Amino acid sequence: MASFQTAQEAWTALNSGDDAEARAAAIIYLGERQYAPAVPRLIELVRQADPGTRYLAAKALGQIGDEAEAALPALLEALRDNDMFLRAGITGALIKIGPPAVPGLTNALFDPSSAVKRAACKALGKIGSKRAVPALKFSLRDGNQGVRQFAREALERIDSPAAREALKSV
């Protein structure tokens, strides 16, 4: 595994050559150092790379946190991927980005895919935004048992008067 002394070294490795191992190490290094200038390149990787690289890029974006808000459209799109491992990484990144992700996650509750809806419920519960309560209340009546369970758990985590009221309605 490549080792870097500076973010510039990692940045150079990320953008040069086809060495997948060096690229992976660079992504990890830049994420751990919360290197916000890498956000646009990490967004590209979430959209275009192989699943392993997409996962690492999503994780790095999550580590960068709210400075990675520009990545939300790419992350929300990637949430629809069929790869369960990647979807878990994307969900984790959305949770770490936090409140700016709430509107997109709320919209994801209406996705045709139950897996996407479950991931959105999980993320919304971990973020804990009261703004998500109306959509989560709607998800309590979803046709998928797993979505209903995750919506219930999210509302329990949010634990606001509106969330408690929503839980009483089912």
Protein backbone atom coordinates (compact mmCIF):
# COMPACT_ATOMS: atom_id res chain seq x y z
CA MET A 1 0.00 0.00 0.00
CA ALA A 2 1.33 3.42 -0.92
CA SER A 3 2.16 5.76 1.91
CA PHE A 4 1.97 9.51 1.60
CA GLN A 5 3.58 12.31 3.56
CA THR A 6 1.33 15.08 2.27
CA ALA A 7 -2.09 15.58 0.78
CA GLN A 8 -0.37 16.84 -2.37
CA GLU A 9 1.40 13.50 -2.80
CA ALA A 10 -1.90 11.66 -2.38
CA TRP A 11 -3.64 14.07 -4.75
CA THR A 12 -0.97 13.45 -7.40
CA ALA A 13 -1.29 9.67 -6.98
CA LEU A 14 -5.07 9.90 -7.23
CA ASN A 15 -4.91 11.75 -10.52
CA SER A 16 -2.07 9.93 -12.27
CA GLY A 17 -1.82 6.48 -13.71
CA ASP A 18 -3.93 3.38 -13.45
CA ASP A 19 -2.46 1.91 -10.27
CA ALA A 20 -5.64 0.88 -8.45
CA GLU A 21 -3.82 0.22 -5.19
CA ALA A 22 -2.18 3.67 -5.15
CA ARG A 23 -5.51 5.27 -6.05
CA ALA A 24 -7.24 3.46 -3.19
CA ALA A 25 -4.53 4.49 -0.73
CA ALA A 26 -4.77 8.10 -1.95
CA ILE A 27 -8.55 8.15 -1.51
CA ILE A 28 -8.23 6.78 2.02
CA TYR A 29 -5.46 9.27 2.90
CA LEU A 30 -7.40 12.27 1.54
CA GLY A 31 -10.58 11.22 3.36
CA GLU A 32 -8.77 10.72 6.66
CA ARG A 33 -7.28 14.19 6.33
CA GLN A 34 -10.65 15.67 5.36
CA TYR A 35 -9.05 17.15 2.25
CA ALA A 36 -11.96 19.20 0.89
CA PRO A 37 -10.21 20.18 -2.39
CA ALA A 38 -10.57 16.51 -3.42
CA VAL A 39 -14.39 16.68 -3.35
CA PRO A 40 -14.88 17.26 -7.12
CA ARG A 41 -12.56 14.35 -8.00
CA LEU A 42 -14.20 12.11 -5.42
CA ILE A 43 -17.61 12.98 -6.90
CA GLU A 44 -16.33 11.82 -10.31
CA LEU A 45 -15.16 8.55 -8.78
CA VAL A 46 -18.53 7.95 -7.07
CA ARG A 47 -20.19 8.38 -10.45
CA GLN A 48 -17.80 6.52 -12.73
CA ALA A 49 -15.42 4.14 -11.01
CA ASP A 50 -15.57 0.46 -10.13
CA PRO A 51 -17.66 -0.46 -7.03
CA GLY A 52 -14.67 -0.69 -4.67
CA THR A 53 -13.35 2.72 -5.69
CA ARG A 54 -16.87 4.18 -5.56
CA TYR A 55 -17.19 2.87 -1.99
CA LEU A 56 -13.85 4.36 -0.92
CA ALA A 57 -14.70 7.69 -2.57
CA ALA A 58 -18.09 7.79 -0.80
CA LYS A 59 -16.44 6.99 2.52
CA ALA A 60 -13.88 9.77 1.96
CA LEU A 61 -16.68 12.23 1.14
CA GLY A 62 -18.37 11.26 4.40
CA GLN A 63 -15.14 11.87 6.30
CA ILE A 64 -14.88 15.31 4.72
CA GLY A 65 -18.38 15.93 6.09
CA ASP A 66 -20.45 19.01 5.41
CA GLU A 67 -17.72 20.46 3.18
CA ALA A 68 -18.69 17.65 0.79
CA GLU A 69 -22.23 18.98 0.39
CA ALA A 70 -21.59 19.39 -3.36
CA ALA A 71 -21.43 15.58 -3.55
CA LEU A 72 -25.06 15.12 -2.47
CA PRO A 73 -26.53 14.69 -5.99
CA ALA A 74 -23.91 12.06 -6.89
CA LEU A 75 -24.31 10.25 -3.56
CA LEU A 76 -28.10 10.24 -3.77
CA GLU A 77 -27.88 8.87 -7.32
CA ALA A 78 -25.40 6.19 -6.20
CA LEU A 79 -27.77 5.22 -3.37
CA ARG A 80 -29.84 3.56 -6.13
CA ASP A 81 -27.02 1.17 -7.05
CA ASN A 82 -27.83 -2.53 -6.65
CA ASP A 83 -24.55 -3.22 -4.82
CA MET A 84 -25.53 -3.56 -1.14
CA PHE A 85 -21.96 -2.89 0.06
CA LEU A 86 -21.75 0.32 -1.98
CA ARG A 87 -25.21 1.43 -0.82
CA ALA A 88 -24.08 0.97 2.81
CA GLY A 89 -21.02 3.15 2.14
CA ILE A 90 -23.15 5.79 0.46
CA THR A 91 -25.61 5.74 3.38
CA GLY A 92 -22.74 6.23 5.82
CA ALA A 93 -21.44 9.19 3.81
CA LEU A 94 -24.88 10.81 3.72
CA ILE A 95 -25.20 10.39 7.49
CA LYS A 96 -21.84 12.08 8.04
CA ILE A 97 -22.67 14.96 5.70
CA GLY A 98 -25.72 15.36 7.91
CA PRO A 99 -28.53 17.91 7.72
CA PRO A 100 -27.77 19.11 4.18
CA ALA A 101 -28.60 15.57 3.00
CA VAL A 102 -32.10 15.59 4.54
CA PRO A 103 -34.07 16.98 1.54
CA GLY A 104 -32.54 14.44 -0.86
CA LEU A 105 -33.01 11.59 1.59
CA THR A 106 -36.61 12.62 2.15
CA ASN A 107 -37.17 12.44 -1.61
CA ALA A 108 -35.51 9.00 -1.63
CA LEU A 109 -38.32 7.74 0.62
CA PHE A 110 -40.49 7.84 -2.51
CA ASP A 111 -38.07 5.84 -4.69
CA PRO A 112 -39.50 2.67 -6.29
CA SER A 113 -36.74 0.59 -4.67
CA SER A 114 -37.42 -0.66 -1.16
CA ALA A 115 -33.65 -0.93 -0.58
CA VAL A 116 -33.24 2.79 -1.34
CA LYS A 117 -36.15 3.65 0.96
CA ARG A 118 -34.70 1.55 3.79
CA ALA A 119 -31.30 3.24 3.38
CA ALA A 120 -32.96 6.67 3.39
CA CYS A 121 -34.92 5.83 6.56
CA LYS A 122 -31.74 4.64 8.27
CA ALA A 123 -29.84 7.79 7.31
CA LEU A 124 -32.68 10.11 8.32
CA GLY A 125 -32.96 8.43 11.70
CA LYS A 126 -29.22 8.75 12.33
CA ILE A 127 -29.20 12.40 11.22
CA GLY A 128 -32.20 13.01 13.46
CA SER A 129 -33.78 15.88 11.55
CA LYS A 130 -37.30 16.80 12.58
CA ARG A 131 -37.88 17.99 8.99
CA ALA A 132 -38.02 14.35 7.90
CA VAL A 133 -40.92 13.41 10.19
CA PRO A 134 -43.79 13.94 7.68
CA ALA A 135 -42.12 11.78 5.01
CA LEU A 136 -41.16 9.13 7.55
CA LYS A 137 -44.75 9.09 8.80
CA PHE A 138 -45.83 8.40 5.22
CA SER A 139 -43.26 5.56 5.07
CA LEU A 140 -44.94 3.88 8.04
CA ARG A 141 -47.60 2.81 5.52
CA ASP A 142 -45.16 1.57 2.86
CA GLY A 143 -45.94 -1.76 1.22
CA ASN A 144 -42.58 -3.17 2.33
CA GLN A 145 -42.27 -4.40 5.93
CA GLY A 146 -38.58 -3.48 6.06
CA VAL A 147 -39.29 0.10 5.03
CA ARG A 148 -42.01 0.36 7.67
CA GLN A 149 -39.63 -0.99 10.33
CA PHE A 150 -36.80 1.37 9.37
CA ALA A 151 -39.23 4.32 9.29
CA ARG A 152 -40.45 3.37 12.78
CA GLU A 153 -36.87 3.15 14.07
CA ALA A 154 -36.01 6.51 12.48
CA LEU A 155 -38.98 8.19 14.13
CA GLU A 156 -38.03 6.65 17.48
CA ARG A 157 -34.51 8.07 17.11
CA ILE A 158 -35.79 11.53 16.19
CA ASP A 159 -38.04 11.47 19.27
CA SER A 160 -39.77 14.82 18.76
CA PRO A 161 -43.43 15.50 19.63
CA ALA A 162 -44.32 15.15 15.93
CA ALA A 163 -42.35 11.88 15.65
CA ARG A 164 -44.06 10.44 18.74
CA GLU A 165 -47.44 11.47 17.32
CA ALA A 166 -46.60 9.79 14.00
CA LEU A 167 -45.73 6.57 15.82
CA LYS A 168 -49.11 6.61 17.57
CA SER A 169 -50.90 6.80 14.21
CA VAL A 170 -49.92 3.24 13.21
